[in-house]
Amino acid sequence: MRCGFCGYEFKEEEGIQGCKNCPMTSGCKMVKCPRCNYENAPEPLLVKGIKKLFKKKEH
């Protein structure tokens, strides 16, 4: 995923999970950039699937 603030590209697993005890919902799903701590929404499954498809074609 790419940070919406600084543009750093990282894997969603490398990001810092947002506030797990968020009072707004039953757990925040935001992912913080490991470089600047900007909270990003997780990538939609469709985007993940398309990226995976293109990675397979590169190999």
PDB file of N, CA and C in Angstrom:
ATOM      1  N   MET A   1       0.845  -1.171   0.000  1.00  0.00           N
ATOM      2  CA  MET A   1       0.000   0.000   0.000  1.00  0.00           C
ATOM      3  C   MET A   1       0.887   1.229   0.000  1.00  0.00           C
ATOM      4  N   ARG A   2       0.341   2.337  -0.423  1.00  0.00           N
ATOM      5  CA  ARG A   2       1.088   3.589  -0.493  1.00  0.00           C
ATOM      6  C   ARG A   2       0.465   4.591   0.478  1.00  0.00           C
ATOM      7  N   CYS A   3       1.331   5.245   1.248  1.00  0.00           N
ATOM      8  CA  CYS A   3       0.879   6.243   2.210  1.00  0.00           C
ATOM      9  C   CYS A   3       0.281   7.428   1.461  1.00  0.00           C
ATOM     10  N   GLY A   4      -0.877   7.866   1.888  1.00  0.00           N
ATOM     11  CA  GLY A   4      -1.546   9.000   1.268  1.00  0.00           C
ATOM     12  C   GLY A   4      -0.904  10.341   1.603  1.00  0.00           C
ATOM     13  N   PHE A   5      -0.004  10.355   2.571  1.00  0.00           N
ATOM     14  CA  PHE A   5       0.622  11.613   2.974  1.00  0.00           C
ATOM     15  C   PHE A   5       2.036  11.757   2.414  1.00  0.00           C
ATOM     16  N   CYS A   6       2.902  10.764   2.685  1.00  0.00           N
ATOM     17  CA  CYS A   6       4.306  10.887   2.276  1.00  0.00           C
ATOM     18  C   CYS A   6       4.641  10.077   1.022  1.00  0.00           C
ATOM     19  N   GLY A   7       3.737   9.183   0.585  1.00  0.00           N
ATOM     20  CA  GLY A   7       3.969   8.404  -0.630  1.00  0.00           C
ATOM     21  C   GLY A   7       4.800   7.151  -0.430  1.00  0.00           C
ATOM     22  N   TYR A   8       5.201   6.879   0.798  1.00  0.00           N
ATOM     23  CA  TYR A   8       6.009   5.679   1.082  1.00  0.00           C
ATOM     24  C   TYR A   8       5.184   4.432   0.780  1.00  0.00           C
ATOM     25  N   GLU A   9       5.795   3.476   0.082  1.00  0.00           N
ATOM     26  CA  GLU A   9       5.098   2.237  -0.255  1.00  0.00           C
ATOM     27  C   GLU A   9       5.546   1.137   0.707  1.00  0.00           C
ATOM     28  N   PHE A  10       4.567   0.460   1.299  1.00  0.00           N
ATOM     29  CA  PHE A  10       4.862  -0.590   2.275  1.00  0.00           C
ATOM     30  C   PHE A  10       3.779  -1.649   2.233  1.00  0.00           C
ATOM     31  N   LYS A  11       4.108  -2.823   2.776  1.00  0.00           N
ATOM     32  CA  LYS A  11       3.112  -3.889   2.873  1.00  0.00           C
ATOM     33  C   LYS A  11       2.199  -3.563   4.053  1.00  0.00           C
ATOM     34  N   GLU A  12       0.936  -3.917   3.908  1.00  0.00           N
ATOM     35  CA  GLU A  12      -0.033  -3.618   4.956  1.00  0.00           C
ATOM     36  C   GLU A  12       0.386  -4.236   6.293  1.00  0.00           C
ATOM     37  N   GLU A  13       1.038  -5.394   6.244  1.00  0.00           N
ATOM     38  CA  GLU A  13       1.489  -6.057   7.475  1.00  0.00           C
ATOM     39  C   GLU A  13       2.601  -5.269   8.168  1.00  0.00           C
ATOM     40  N   GLU A  14       3.368  -4.473   7.409  1.00  0.00           N
ATOM     41  CA  GLU A  14       4.461  -3.680   7.980  1.00  0.00           C
ATOM     42  C   GLU A  14       3.941  -2.426   8.677  1.00  0.00           C
ATOM     43  N   GLY A  15       2.742  -2.007   8.326  1.00  0.00           N
ATOM     44  CA  GLY A  15       2.169  -0.805   8.920  1.00  0.00           C
ATOM     45  C   GLY A  15       1.782  -1.030  10.365  1.00  0.00           C
ATOM     46  N   ILE A  16       1.645   0.057  11.070  1.00  0.00           N
ATOM     47  CA  ILE A  16       1.246   0.009  12.475  1.00  0.00           C
ATOM     48  C   ILE A  16      -0.275   0.028  12.516  1.00  0.00           C
ATOM     49  N   GLN A  17      -0.871  -0.960  13.163  1.00  0.00           N
ATOM     50  CA  GLN A  17      -2.330  -1.002  13.257  1.00  0.00           C
ATOM     51  C   GLN A  17      -2.818   0.201  14.034  1.00  0.00           C
ATOM     52  N   GLY A  18      -3.912   0.771  13.577  1.00  0.00           N
ATOM     53  CA  GLY A  18      -4.497   1.945  14.216  1.00  0.00           C
ATOM     54  C   GLY A  18      -4.974   1.625  15.620  1.00  0.00           C
ATOM     55  N   CYS A  19      -5.607   2.570  16.223  1.00  0.00           N
ATOM     56  CA  CYS A  19      -6.073   2.406  17.598  1.00  0.00           C
ATOM     57  C   CYS A  19      -7.082   1.254  17.682  1.00  0.00           C
ATOM     58  N   LYS A  20      -6.679   0.190  18.309  1.00  0.00           N
ATOM     59  CA  LYS A  20      -7.526  -0.998  18.413  1.00  0.00           C
ATOM     60  C   LYS A  20      -8.713  -0.767  19.347  1.00  0.00           C
ATOM     61  N   ASN A  21      -8.600   0.191  20.230  1.00  0.00           N
ATOM     62  CA  ASN A  21      -9.672   0.479  21.179  1.00  0.00           C
ATOM     63  C   ASN A  21     -10.448   1.728  20.775  1.00  0.00           C
ATOM     64  N   CYS A  22     -10.604   1.919  19.485  1.00  0.00           N
ATOM     65  CA  CYS A  22     -11.275   3.106  18.965  1.00  0.00           C
ATOM     66  C   CYS A  22     -12.740   3.134  19.446  1.00  0.00           C
ATOM     67  N   PRO A  23     -13.186   4.226  20.055  1.00  0.00           N
ATOM     68  CA  PRO A  23     -14.565   4.288  20.545  1.00  0.00           C
ATOM     69  C   PRO A  23     -15.594   4.467  19.422  1.00  0.00           C
ATOM     70  N   MET A  24     -15.134   4.842  18.228  1.00  0.00           N
ATOM     71  CA  MET A  24     -16.053   5.105  17.124  1.00  0.00           C
ATOM     72  C   MET A  24     -16.644   3.814  16.545  1.00  0.00           C
ATOM     73  N   THR A  25     -15.861   2.750  16.541  1.00  0.00           N
ATOM     74  CA  THR A  25     -16.312   1.475  15.980  1.00  0.00           C
ATOM     75  C   THR A  25     -15.853   0.345  16.879  1.00  0.00           C
ATOM     76  N   SER A  26     -16.061  -0.842  16.435  1.00  0.00           N
ATOM     77  CA  SER A  26     -15.621  -2.004  17.225  1.00  0.00           C
ATOM     78  C   SER A  26     -14.174  -2.352  16.910  1.00  0.00           C
ATOM     79  N   GLY A  27     -13.346  -1.385  16.736  1.00  0.00           N
ATOM     80  CA  GLY A  27     -11.943  -1.589  16.428  1.00  0.00           C
ATOM     81  C   GLY A  27     -11.591  -0.863  15.142  1.00  0.00           C
ATOM     82  N   CYS A  28     -10.609  -0.032  15.218  1.00  0.00           N
ATOM     83  CA  CYS A  28     -10.211   0.778  14.076  1.00  0.00           C
ATOM     84  C   CYS A  28      -9.446  -0.081  13.076  1.00  0.00           C
ATOM     85  N   LYS A  29      -9.753   0.064  11.801  1.00  0.00           N
ATOM     86  CA  LYS A  29      -9.096  -0.726  10.770  1.00  0.00           C
ATOM     87  C   LYS A  29      -8.027   0.075  10.026  1.00  0.00           C
ATOM     88  N   MET A  30      -7.771   1.284  10.484  1.00  0.00           N
ATOM     89  CA  MET A  30      -6.784   2.127   9.835  1.00  0.00           C
ATOM     90  C   MET A  30      -5.382   1.553  10.052  1.00  0.00           C
ATOM     91  N   VAL A  31      -4.497   1.808   9.093  1.00  0.00           N
ATOM     92  CA  VAL A  31      -3.115   1.332   9.155  1.00  0.00           C
ATOM     93  C   VAL A  31      -2.209   2.551   9.091  1.00  0.00           C
ATOM     94  N   LYS A  32      -1.318   2.684  10.073  1.00  0.00           N
ATOM     95  CA  LYS A  32      -0.413   3.824  10.117  1.00  0.00           C
ATOM     96  C   LYS A  32       0.849   3.531   9.313  1.00  0.00           C
ATOM     97  N   CYS A  33       1.295   4.522   8.571  1.00  0.00           N
ATOM     98  CA  CYS A  33       2.524   4.423   7.793  1.00  0.00           C
ATOM     99  C   CYS A  33       3.706   4.258   8.747  1.00  0.00           C
ATOM    100  N   PRO A  34       4.608   3.286   8.480  1.00  0.00           N
ATOM    101  CA  PRO A  34       5.763   3.110   9.360  1.00  0.00           C
ATOM    102  C   PRO A  34       6.758   4.274   9.287  1.00  0.00           C
ATOM    103  N   ARG A  35       6.671   5.084   8.245  1.00  0.00           N
ATOM    104  CA  ARG A  35       7.594   6.211   8.089  1.00  0.00           C
ATOM    105  C   ARG A  35       7.088   7.476   8.780  1.00  0.00           C
ATOM    106  N   CYS A  36       5.809   7.842   8.573  1.00  0.00           N
ATOM    107  CA  CYS A  36       5.328   9.133   9.078  1.00  0.00           C
ATOM    108  C   CYS A  36       4.147   9.030  10.051  1.00  0.00           C
ATOM    109  N   ASN A  37       3.634   7.824  10.290  1.00  0.00           N
ATOM    110  CA  ASN A  37       2.504   7.574  11.199  1.00  0.00           C
ATOM    111  C   ASN A  37       1.169   8.125  10.713  1.00  0.00           C
ATOM    112  N   TYR A  38       1.066   8.469   9.443  1.00  0.00           N
ATOM    113  CA  TYR A  38      -0.210   8.921   8.891  1.00  0.00           C
ATOM    114  C   TYR A  38      -1.154   7.726   8.792  1.00  0.00           C
ATOM    115  N   GLU A  39      -2.406   7.902   9.219  1.00  0.00           N
ATOM    116  CA  GLU A  39      -3.376   6.811   9.181  1.00  0.00           C
ATOM    117  C   GLU A  39      -3.987   6.687   7.787  1.00  0.00           C
ATOM    118  N   ASN A  40      -3.873   5.510   7.221  1.00  0.00           N
ATOM    119  CA  ASN A  40      -4.410   5.207   5.902  1.00  0.00           C
ATOM    120  C   ASN A  40      -5.485   4.143   6.036  1.00  0.00           C
ATOM    121  N   ALA A  41      -6.463   4.214   5.164  1.00  0.00           N
ATOM    122  CA  ALA A  41      -7.473   3.155   5.114  1.00  0.00           C
ATOM    123  C   ALA A  41      -6.831   1.923   4.483  1.00  0.00           C
ATOM    124  N   PRO A  42      -7.209   0.720   4.919  1.00  0.00           N
ATOM    125  CA  PRO A  42      -6.639  -0.481   4.308  1.00  0.00           C
ATOM    126  C   PRO A  42      -7.041  -0.583   2.836  1.00  0.00           C
ATOM    127  N   GLU A  43      -6.190  -1.244   2.044  1.00  0.00           N
ATOM    128  CA  GLU A  43      -6.488  -1.404   0.627  1.00  0.00           C
ATOM    129  C   GLU A  43      -7.703  -2.300   0.447  1.00  0.00           C
ATOM    130  N   PRO A  44      -8.573  -1.957  -0.482  1.00  0.00           N
ATOM    131  CA  PRO A  44      -9.719  -2.825  -0.774  1.00  0.00           C
ATOM    132  C   PRO A  44      -9.244  -4.166  -1.339  1.00  0.00           C
ATOM    133  N   LEU A  45     -10.035  -5.215  -1.133  1.00  0.00           N
ATOM    134  CA  LEU A  45      -9.670  -6.543  -1.615  1.00  0.00           C
ATOM    135  C   LEU A  45      -9.477  -6.565  -3.126  1.00  0.00           C
ATOM    136  N   LEU A  46     -10.234  -5.771  -3.856  1.00  0.00           N
ATOM    137  CA  LEU A  46     -10.102  -5.717  -5.307  1.00  0.00           C
ATOM    138  C   LEU A  46      -8.708  -5.233  -5.702  1.00  0.00           C
ATOM    139  N   VAL A  47      -8.209  -4.204  -5.040  1.00  0.00           N
ATOM    140  CA  VAL A  47      -6.881  -3.668  -5.337  1.00  0.00           C
ATOM    141  C   VAL A  47      -5.816  -4.709  -5.004  1.00  0.00           C
ATOM    142  N   LYS A  48      -5.959  -5.381  -3.871  1.00  0.00           N
ATOM    143  CA  LYS A  48      -4.999  -6.424  -3.490  1.00  0.00           C
ATOM    144  C   LYS A  48      -4.973  -7.536  -4.532  1.00  0.00           C
ATOM    145  N   GLY A  49      -6.150  -7.940  -5.027  1.00  0.00           N
ATOM    146  CA  GLY A  49      -6.238  -8.992  -6.024  1.00  0.00           C
ATOM    147  C   GLY A  49      -5.572  -8.598  -7.333  1.00  0.00           C
ATOM    148  N   ILE A  50      -5.771  -7.373  -7.762  1.00  0.00           N
ATOM    149  CA  ILE A  50      -5.161  -6.888  -9.000  1.00  0.00           C
ATOM    150  C   ILE A  50      -3.641  -6.844  -8.865  1.00  0.00           C
ATOM    151  N   LYS A  51      -3.140  -6.368  -7.731  1.00  0.00           N
ATOM    152  CA  LYS A  51      -1.692  -6.338  -7.503  1.00  0.00           C
ATOM    153  C   LYS A  51      -1.108  -7.747  -7.532  1.00  0.00           C
ATOM    154  N   LYS A  52      -1.809  -8.686  -6.905  1.00  0.00           N
ATOM    155  CA  LYS A  52      -1.342 -10.069  -6.872  1.00  0.00           C
ATOM    156  C   LYS A  52      -1.309 -10.648  -8.288  1.00  0.00           C
ATOM    157  N   LEU A  53      -2.287 -10.337  -9.088  1.00  0.00           N
ATOM    158  CA  LEU A  53      -2.362 -10.812 -10.465  1.00  0.00           C
ATOM    159  C   LEU A  53      -1.180 -10.296 -11.282  1.00  0.00           C
ATOM    160  N   PHE A  54      -0.842  -9.019 -11.139  1.00  0.00           N
ATOM    161  CA  PHE A  54       0.277  -8.453 -11.885  1.00  0.00           C
ATOM    162  C   PHE A  54       1.616  -8.974 -11.386  1.00  0.00           C
ATOM    163  N   LYS A  55       1.736  -9.276 -10.091  1.00  0.00           N
ATOM    164  CA  LYS A  55       2.982  -9.843  -9.568  1.00  0.00           C
ATOM    165  C   LYS A  55       3.246 -11.198 -10.183  1.00  0.00           C
ATOM    166  N   LYS A  56       2.205 -12.015 -10.344  1.00  0.00           N
ATOM    167  CA  LYS A  56       2.361 -13.344 -10.936  1.00  0.00           C
ATOM    168  C   LYS A  56       2.826 -13.251 -12.376  1.00  0.00           C
ATOM    169  N   LYS A  57       2.344 -12.256 -13.117  1.00  0.00           N
ATOM    170  CA  LYS A  57       2.722 -12.084 -14.524  1.00  0.00           C
ATOM    171  C   LYS A  57       4.165 -11.643 -14.679  1.00  0.00           C
ATOM    172  N   GLU A  58       4.709 -10.925 -13.683  1.00  0.00           N
ATOM    173  CA  GLU A  58       6.091 -10.440 -13.739  1.00  0.00           C
ATOM    174  C   GLU A  58       7.092 -11.580 -13.619  1.00  0.00           C
ATOM    175  N   HIS A  59       6.744 -12.626 -12.894  1.00  0.00           N
ATOM    176  CA  HIS A  59       7.700 -13.728 -12.644  1.00  0.00           C
ATOM    177  C   HIS A  59       7.769 -14.662 -13.789  1.00  0.00           C
TER     178      HIS A  59
END
